[in-house]
């Protein structure tokens, strides 16, 4: 996981694509929310957002 993040950071730094970082962070946070809430009572409400 950390190697992937290091590769993404290297790509953004080398090609000056820093505008991609907020998009990647938001996608990672949404993925984490979905994974964490799978077993909870909030899951039906989160799945209706997508």
C-alpha atoms as a PDB file:
ATOM      1  CA  UNK A   1       0.000   0.000   0.000  1.00  0.00           C
ATOM      2  CA  UNK A   2       2.764   2.427   0.923  1.00  0.00           C
ATOM      3  CA  UNK A   3       4.667   1.608  -2.268  1.00  0.00           C
ATOM      4  CA  UNK A   4       1.618   2.539  -4.326  1.00  0.00           C
ATOM      5  CA  UNK A   5       1.309   5.863  -2.514  1.00  0.00           C
ATOM      6  CA  UNK A   6       5.013   6.499  -3.010  1.00  0.00           C
ATOM      7  CA  UNK A   7       4.659   5.787  -6.750  1.00  0.00           C
ATOM      8  CA  UNK A   8       1.676   8.141  -7.042  1.00  0.00           C
ATOM      9  CA  UNK A   9       3.581  10.880  -5.194  1.00  0.00           C
ATOM     10  CA  UNK A  10       6.618  10.349  -7.453  1.00  0.00           C
ATOM     11  CA  UNK A  11       4.438  10.595 -10.554  1.00  0.00           C
ATOM     12  CA  UNK A  12       2.769  13.796  -9.353  1.00  0.00           C
ATOM     13  CA  UNK A  13       6.057  15.394  -8.345  1.00  0.00           C
ATOM     14  CA  UNK A  14       7.899  14.480 -11.544  1.00  0.00           C
ATOM     15  CA  UNK A  15       5.157  15.483 -13.981  1.00  0.00           C
ATOM     16  CA  UNK A  16       3.818  18.451 -11.942  1.00  0.00           C
ATOM     17  CA  UNK A  17       0.365  16.893 -11.638  1.00  0.00           C
ATOM     18  CA  UNK A  18      -0.339  18.111  -8.117  1.00  0.00           C
ATOM     19  CA  UNK A  19      -3.958  18.838  -9.037  1.00  0.00           C
ATOM     20  CA  UNK A  20      -4.541  15.050  -9.081  1.00  0.00           C
ATOM     21  CA  UNK A  21      -3.709  14.641  -5.393  1.00  0.00           C
ATOM     22  CA  UNK A  22      -7.004  16.026  -3.975  1.00  0.00           C
ATOM     23  CA  UNK A  23      -8.966  13.752  -6.307  1.00  0.00           C
ATOM     24  CA  UNK A  24      -6.944  10.715  -5.230  1.00  0.00           C
ATOM     25  CA  UNK A  25      -7.329  11.603  -1.548  1.00  0.00           C
ATOM     26  CA  UNK A  26     -11.109  11.976  -1.879  1.00  0.00           C
ATOM     27  CA  UNK A  27     -11.378   8.624  -3.670  1.00  0.00           C
ATOM     28  CA  UNK A  28      -9.301   6.933  -0.971  1.00  0.00           C
ATOM     29  CA  UNK A  29     -11.472   8.450   1.768  1.00  0.00           C
ATOM     30  CA  UNK A  30     -14.693   7.341   0.068  1.00  0.00           C
ATOM     31  CA  UNK A  31     -13.295   3.835  -0.337  1.00  0.00           C
ATOM     32  CA  UNK A  32     -12.305   3.726   3.325  1.00  0.00           C
ATOM     33  CA  UNK A  33     -15.773   4.896   4.400  1.00  0.00           C
ATOM     34  CA  UNK A  34     -17.417   2.170   2.347  1.00  0.00           C
ATOM     35  CA  UNK A  35     -15.114  -0.540   3.710  1.00  0.00           C
ATOM     36  CA  UNK A  36     -15.507   0.572   7.331  1.00  0.00           C
ATOM     37  CA  UNK A  37     -19.279   0.920   7.168  1.00  0.00           C
ATOM     38  CA  UNK A  38     -20.036  -2.425   5.517  1.00  0.00           C
ATOM     39  CA  UNK A  39     -20.907  -4.109   8.767  1.00  0.00           C
ATOM     40  CA  UNK A  40     -22.686  -1.210  10.394  1.00  0.00           C
ATOM     41  CA  UNK A  41     -26.222   0.119  10.411  1.00  0.00           C
ATOM     42  CA  UNK A  42     -25.127   3.089   8.267  1.00  0.00           C
ATOM     43  CA  UNK A  43     -24.379   0.886   5.232  1.00  0.00           C
ATOM     44  CA  UNK A  44     -27.825   1.159   3.562  1.00  0.00           C
ATOM     45  CA  UNK A  45     -27.677   4.950   3.745  1.00  0.00           C
ATOM     46  CA  UNK A  46     -24.172   5.156   2.280  1.00  0.00           C
ATOM     47  CA  UNK A  47     -24.995   2.833  -0.606  1.00  0.00           C
ATOM     48  CA  UNK A  48     -27.921   5.028  -1.616  1.00  0.00           C
ATOM     49  CA  UNK A  49     -25.464   7.885  -2.221  1.00  0.00           C
ATOM     50  CA  UNK A  50     -23.839   5.940  -5.014  1.00  0.00           C
END
